Amino acid sequence: MAALTAFSMDPLGVSVLAIKKIISAVIVDISRLIVYGATFFSKDFEILKNHSGIEILLAGTLAAFLGAFNSSRLLNKIALRSIRILAGVLLFLLALSLGIGIV
């Protein structure tokens, strides 16, 4: 059923899929922040506090959540075909750069 939803051209199906992906991304990001934060703060909190890294950490976290939110809004405005073409081109460029040795 999920495979049919992913390739459905029904706008409601695309919206439901986007919401599921956003919720999954938020859950993964929160768990990752908890694990990495606990590990980092237990060892290097003084370094972070003395070099004003907390602001950078908060800005990065806010940017990640805003990016996920804005992309869900833009999903309705961009055609699904253009997203597939862009993903294919970017994957091809990544494969090419890996093959050449750039990455």
Protein backbone atom coordinates (compact mmCIF):
# COMPACT_ATOMS: atom_id res chain seq x y z
CA MET A 1 0.00 0.00 0.00
CA ALA A 2 2.83 2.41 0.82
CA ALA A 3 4.44 1.80 -2.58
CA LEU A 4 1.19 2.71 -4.30
CA THR A 5 0.91 5.88 -2.23
CA ALA A 6 4.45 6.94 -3.12
CA PHE A 7 3.74 6.84 -6.85
CA SER A 8 0.17 8.07 -6.74
CA MET A 9 -0.57 11.29 -8.56
CA ASP A 10 -3.43 12.02 -6.19
CA PRO A 11 -2.62 15.30 -4.35
CA LEU A 12 -4.03 13.94 -1.09
CA GLY A 13 -1.79 10.87 -1.36
CA VAL A 14 1.25 13.09 -1.88
CA SER A 15 0.31 15.24 1.11
CA VAL A 16 -0.17 12.24 3.36
CA LEU A 17 3.16 10.82 2.22
CA ALA A 18 4.87 14.16 2.88
CA ILE A 19 3.38 14.37 6.36
CA LYS A 20 4.54 10.83 7.16
CA LYS A 21 8.05 11.63 5.96
CA ILE A 22 8.19 14.86 7.95
CA ILE A 23 7.03 13.13 11.12
CA SER A 24 9.62 10.40 10.58
CA ALA A 25 12.35 12.99 9.99
CA VAL A 26 11.40 14.91 13.14
CA ILE A 27 11.45 11.74 15.25
CA VAL A 28 14.86 10.76 13.84
CA ASP A 29 16.24 14.28 14.34
CA ILE A 30 15.01 14.48 17.92
CA SER A 31 16.48 11.10 18.81
CA ARG A 32 19.75 12.00 17.08
CA LEU A 33 19.94 15.32 18.94
CA ILE A 34 19.32 13.56 22.26
CA VAL A 35 22.03 10.95 21.68
CA TYR A 36 24.62 13.30 20.20
CA GLY A 37 23.77 16.02 22.69
CA ALA A 38 24.17 13.73 25.68
CA THR A 39 27.47 12.42 24.35
CA PHE A 40 28.81 15.85 23.46
CA PHE A 41 27.60 17.71 26.55
CA SER A 42 28.98 15.06 28.88
CA LYS A 43 32.48 15.55 27.43
CA ASP A 44 32.83 18.96 25.81
CA PHE A 45 30.20 21.26 27.30
CA GLU A 46 32.78 23.73 28.61
CA ILE A 47 34.30 24.12 25.15
CA LEU A 48 30.87 24.76 23.68
CA LYS A 49 29.95 27.25 26.39
CA ASN A 50 33.24 29.17 26.25
CA HIS A 51 33.25 29.55 22.46
CA SER A 52 29.56 30.53 22.07
CA GLY A 53 28.75 27.32 20.24
CA ILE A 54 25.31 27.08 21.79
CA GLU A 55 24.04 29.76 19.41
CA ILE A 56 25.39 27.82 16.44
CA LEU A 57 23.80 24.62 17.72
CA LEU A 58 20.43 26.33 18.17
CA ALA A 59 20.66 27.98 14.75
CA GLY A 60 21.44 24.66 13.08
CA THR A 61 18.56 22.92 14.86
CA LEU A 62 16.14 25.69 13.93
CA ALA A 63 17.34 25.64 10.31
CA ALA A 64 16.78 21.87 10.09
CA PHE A 65 13.21 22.10 11.35
CA LEU A 66 12.42 25.15 9.19
CA GLY A 67 13.83 23.37 6.15
CA ALA A 68 11.59 20.36 6.72
CA PHE A 69 8.58 22.61 7.25
CA ASN A 70 9.23 24.77 4.18
CA SER A 71 9.85 21.76 1.97
CA SER A 72 6.48 20.35 2.95
CA ARG A 73 4.88 23.63 1.85
CA LEU A 74 6.77 23.68 -1.45
CA LEU A 75 5.87 20.08 -2.26
CA ASN A 76 2.40 21.12 -3.40
CA LYS A 77 3.80 23.82 -5.72
CA ILE A 78 6.44 21.71 -7.45
CA ALA A 79 5.47 18.94 -9.83
CA LEU A 80 6.39 15.45 -8.68
CA ARG A 81 7.97 14.75 -12.09
CA SER A 82 10.41 17.64 -11.67
CA ILE A 83 11.43 16.31 -8.25
CA ARG A 84 12.11 12.88 -9.76
CA ILE A 85 14.18 14.38 -12.57
CA LEU A 86 16.17 16.54 -10.14
CA ALA A 87 16.82 13.55 -7.86
CA GLY A 88 17.98 11.47 -10.84
CA VAL A 89 20.32 14.17 -12.10
CA LEU A 90 21.80 14.73 -8.64
CA LEU A 91 22.30 11.00 -8.11
CA PHE A 92 24.00 10.74 -11.49
CA LEU A 93 26.30 13.65 -10.63
CA LEU A 94 27.13 12.06 -7.29
CA ALA A 95 27.90 8.72 -8.96
CA LEU A 96 30.05 10.49 -11.55
CA SER A 97 31.98 12.43 -8.92
CA LEU A 98 32.49 9.22 -6.92
CA GLY A 99 33.73 7.46 -10.04
CA ILE A 100 36.15 10.23 -10.91
CA GLY A 101 37.40 10.45 -7.33
CA ILE A 102 36.25 13.93 -6.44
CA VAL A 103 34.19 12.69 -3.50
